[in-house]
Amino acid sequence: MLLLFNISPGSIHAGGAATLQWRVINATSVFISPAIGPVPANGSIVVSPTTTTIYSLTATNGYGTRVYSVGIVVTP
């Protein structure tokens, strides 16, 4: 299902931003947490976490559910 799930850059200073990007095929629903929610199968979003964060993408289809994770380090 997953073709791409990454965050760039992988480390930022507090107050900075990074781009979370994903591409999923053959999924009936795609959800990213924390604090993002349902998303289309392909997309990107700019995030500004205040602490080191693990983002999880949950993709579901008729065969089951898969969860993928990426992390970003936030330094003071």
N, C-alpha and C. Protein backbone atom coordinates (compact mmCIF):
# COMPACT_ATOMS: atom_id res chain seq x y z
N MET A 1 0.81 -1.20 0.00
CA MET A 1 0.00 0.00 0.00
C MET A 1 0.85 1.26 0.00
N LEU A 2 1.91 1.29 0.83
CA LEU A 2 2.69 2.51 0.98
C LEU A 2 3.78 2.60 -0.08
N LEU A 3 3.83 3.72 -0.77
CA LEU A 3 4.91 3.99 -1.70
C LEU A 3 5.90 4.98 -1.11
N LEU A 4 5.41 5.91 -0.28
CA LEU A 4 6.27 6.96 0.26
C LEU A 4 5.67 7.50 1.54
N PHE A 5 6.50 7.67 2.56
CA PHE A 5 6.11 8.39 3.78
C PHE A 5 7.38 8.92 4.40
N ASN A 6 7.59 10.24 4.30
CA ASN A 6 8.81 10.80 4.87
C ASN A 6 8.58 12.20 5.39
N ILE A 7 9.57 12.69 6.13
CA ILE A 7 9.53 14.05 6.64
C ILE A 7 10.88 14.68 6.35
N SER A 8 10.85 15.93 5.91
CA SER A 8 12.08 16.61 5.56
C SER A 8 12.00 18.07 5.98
N PRO A 9 12.99 18.56 6.71
CA PRO A 9 14.12 17.81 7.23
C PRO A 9 13.71 16.93 8.41
N GLY A 10 14.59 16.04 8.81
CA GLY A 10 14.30 15.12 9.92
C GLY A 10 14.59 15.71 11.28
N SER A 11 15.16 16.93 11.28
CA SER A 11 15.47 17.61 12.53
C SER A 11 15.27 19.11 12.34
N ILE A 12 14.63 19.75 13.31
CA ILE A 12 14.41 21.20 13.25
C ILE A 12 14.65 21.80 14.62
N HIS A 13 14.84 23.10 14.65
CA HIS A 13 14.86 23.84 15.92
C HIS A 13 13.42 24.19 16.27
N ALA A 14 13.14 24.36 17.55
CA ALA A 14 11.81 24.75 18.00
C ALA A 14 11.38 26.00 17.23
N GLY A 15 10.16 26.01 16.75
CA GLY A 15 9.66 27.12 15.95
C GLY A 15 9.84 26.91 14.45
N GLY A 16 10.58 25.87 14.09
CA GLY A 16 10.81 25.58 12.68
C GLY A 16 9.69 24.74 12.09
N ALA A 17 9.85 24.40 10.82
CA ALA A 17 8.82 23.62 10.13
C ALA A 17 9.47 22.56 9.26
N ALA A 18 8.70 21.54 8.96
CA ALA A 18 9.15 20.45 8.09
C ALA A 18 7.97 20.02 7.22
N THR A 19 8.28 19.34 6.14
CA THR A 19 7.23 18.85 5.24
C THR A 19 7.09 17.35 5.38
N LEU A 20 5.87 16.95 5.70
CA LEU A 20 5.50 15.54 5.77
C LEU A 20 4.86 15.18 4.43
N GLN A 21 5.38 14.14 3.78
CA GLN A 21 4.90 13.77 2.45
C GLN A 21 4.56 12.28 2.41
N TRP A 22 3.50 11.92 1.70
CA TRP A 22 3.11 10.51 1.63
C TRP A 22 2.48 10.20 0.27
N ARG A 23 2.53 8.92 -0.07
CA ARG A 23 1.87 8.42 -1.28
C ARG A 23 1.47 6.98 -0.99
N VAL A 24 0.18 6.70 -1.10
CA VAL A 24 -0.38 5.38 -0.79
C VAL A 24 -1.24 4.93 -1.97
N ILE A 25 -1.20 3.64 -2.29
CA ILE A 25 -2.09 3.11 -3.33
C ILE A 25 -2.95 2.00 -2.73
N ASN A 26 -4.09 1.77 -3.36
CA ASN A 26 -4.99 0.68 -2.97
C ASN A 26 -5.46 0.77 -1.52
N ALA A 27 -5.66 1.97 -1.02
CA ALA A 27 -6.17 2.15 0.34
C ALA A 27 -7.55 2.81 0.28
N THR A 28 -8.43 2.36 1.14
CA THR A 28 -9.77 2.96 1.21
C THR A 28 -9.79 4.12 2.19
N SER A 29 -8.84 4.14 3.13
CA SER A 29 -8.73 5.28 4.03
C SER A 29 -7.28 5.44 4.46
N VAL A 30 -6.90 6.70 4.66
CA VAL A 30 -5.55 7.04 5.10
C VAL A 30 -5.69 8.07 6.20
N PHE A 31 -4.98 7.86 7.32
CA PHE A 31 -5.11 8.71 8.50
C PHE A 31 -3.71 8.94 9.04
N ILE A 32 -3.40 10.19 9.38
CA ILE A 32 -2.10 10.50 9.97
C ILE A 32 -2.31 11.11 11.34
N SER A 33 -1.55 10.62 12.30
CA SER A 33 -1.60 11.15 13.66
C SER A 33 -0.18 11.43 14.12
N PRO A 34 0.01 12.29 15.12
CA PRO A 34 -1.02 13.03 15.85
C PRO A 34 -1.46 14.30 15.12
N ALA A 35 -2.65 14.72 15.44
CA ALA A 35 -3.19 16.06 15.13
C ALA A 35 -3.39 16.38 13.65
N ILE A 36 -3.36 15.38 12.77
CA ILE A 36 -3.59 15.67 11.35
C ILE A 36 -4.94 15.11 10.91
N GLY A 37 -5.15 13.82 11.08
CA GLY A 37 -6.45 13.22 10.77
C GLY A 37 -6.50 12.59 9.40
N PRO A 38 -7.72 12.44 8.85
CA PRO A 38 -7.88 11.81 7.53
C PRO A 38 -7.23 12.66 6.45
N VAL A 39 -6.56 11.99 5.50
CA VAL A 39 -5.88 12.69 4.41
C VAL A 39 -6.14 11.93 3.11
N PRO A 40 -5.94 12.59 1.96
CA PRO A 40 -6.05 11.88 0.69
C PRO A 40 -4.90 10.88 0.54
N ALA A 41 -4.97 10.03 -0.46
CA ALA A 41 -3.95 9.00 -0.65
C ALA A 41 -2.58 9.57 -1.00
N ASN A 42 -2.55 10.74 -1.59
CA ASN A 42 -1.29 11.39 -1.95
C ASN A 42 -1.32 12.81 -1.45
N GLY A 43 -0.23 13.24 -0.83
CA GLY A 43 -0.22 14.62 -0.40
C GLY A 43 0.99 14.99 0.42
N SER A 44 0.97 16.21 0.90
CA SER A 44 2.01 16.71 1.78
C SER A 44 1.40 17.79 2.65
N ILE A 45 2.04 18.01 3.79
CA ILE A 45 1.58 19.02 4.72
C ILE A 45 2.78 19.56 5.47
N VAL A 46 2.77 20.84 5.76
CA VAL A 46 3.83 21.45 6.56
C VAL A 46 3.44 21.33 8.03
N VAL A 47 4.37 20.81 8.83
CA VAL A 47 4.12 20.64 10.26
C VAL A 47 5.16 21.43 11.04
N SER A 48 4.76 21.86 12.23
CA SER A 48 5.66 22.60 13.12
C SER A 48 5.53 22.03 14.53
N PRO A 49 6.03 20.82 14.74
CA PRO A 49 5.92 20.24 16.07
C PRO A 49 6.77 21.01 17.08
N THR A 50 6.33 21.03 18.31
CA THR A 50 7.07 21.75 19.36
C THR A 50 8.00 20.83 20.13
N THR A 51 7.83 19.53 19.98
CA THR A 51 8.72 18.54 20.61
C THR A 51 9.00 17.43 19.60
N THR A 52 10.00 16.63 19.89
CA THR A 52 10.30 15.48 19.05
C THR A 52 9.03 14.65 18.90
N THR A 53 8.69 14.29 17.66
CA THR A 53 7.40 13.68 17.37
C THR A 53 7.54 12.51 16.41
N ILE A 54 6.77 11.47 16.66
CA ILE A 54 6.63 10.35 15.73
C ILE A 54 5.27 10.49 15.05
N TYR A 55 5.27 10.60 13.73
CA TYR A 55 4.03 10.65 12.96
C TYR A 55 3.72 9.24 12.46
N SER A 56 2.48 8.85 12.58
CA SER A 56 2.04 7.53 12.13
C SER A 56 1.00 7.67 11.03
N LEU A 57 1.21 6.94 9.95
CA LEU A 57 0.24 6.88 8.86
C LEU A 57 -0.43 5.52 8.93
N THR A 58 -1.74 5.53 9.01
CA THR A 58 -2.52 4.29 9.04
C THR A 58 -3.29 4.18 7.73
N ALA A 59 -3.01 3.12 6.97
CA ALA A 59 -3.68 2.89 5.68
C ALA A 59 -4.51 1.62 5.78
N THR A 60 -5.76 1.71 5.33
CA THR A 60 -6.68 0.58 5.43
C THR A 60 -7.25 0.25 4.06
N ASN A 61 -7.38 -1.05 3.78
CA ASN A 61 -8.11 -1.50 2.60
C ASN A 61 -8.84 -2.79 2.95
N GLY A 62 -9.39 -3.47 1.96
CA GLY A 62 -10.16 -4.67 2.22
C GLY A 62 -9.37 -5.83 2.79
N TYR A 63 -8.04 -5.74 2.74
CA TYR A 63 -7.19 -6.81 3.24
C TYR A 63 -6.69 -6.56 4.66
N GLY A 64 -6.88 -5.35 5.16
CA GLY A 64 -6.43 -5.06 6.52
C GLY A 64 -5.90 -3.65 6.66
N THR A 65 -5.16 -3.47 7.74
CA THR A 65 -4.63 -2.15 8.09
C THR A 65 -3.12 -2.25 8.28
N ARG A 66 -2.43 -1.26 7.77
CA ARG A 66 -0.98 -1.15 7.96
C ARG A 66 -0.68 0.20 8.59
N VAL A 67 0.33 0.21 9.47
CA VAL A 67 0.75 1.44 10.13
C VAL A 67 2.23 1.66 9.83
N TYR A 68 2.56 2.87 9.41
CA TYR A 68 3.93 3.25 9.10
C TYR A 68 4.27 4.49 9.91
N SER A 69 5.55 4.65 10.28
CA SER A 69 5.93 5.77 11.14
C SER A 69 7.19 6.46 10.63
N VAL A 70 7.24 7.77 10.86
CA VAL A 70 8.44 8.56 10.65
C VAL A 70 8.56 9.51 11.83
N GLY A 71 9.79 9.92 12.12
CA GLY A 71 9.99 10.80 13.26
C GLY A 71 10.75 12.06 12.89
N ILE A 72 10.56 13.08 13.71
CA ILE A 72 11.30 14.32 13.57
C ILE A 72 11.82 14.72 14.94
N VAL A 73 13.07 15.15 14.98
CA VAL A 73 13.69 15.59 16.23
C VAL A 73 13.58 17.11 16.30
N VAL A 74 13.09 17.61 17.43
CA VAL A 74 12.97 19.05 17.64
C VAL A 74 13.93 19.43 18.76
N THR A 75 14.85 20.35 18.46
CA THR A 75 15.81 20.81 19.45
C THR A 75 15.49 22.24 19.86
N PRO A 76 15.85 22.61 21.09
CA PRO A 76 15.55 23.98 21.57
C PRO A 76 16.29 25.04 20.78
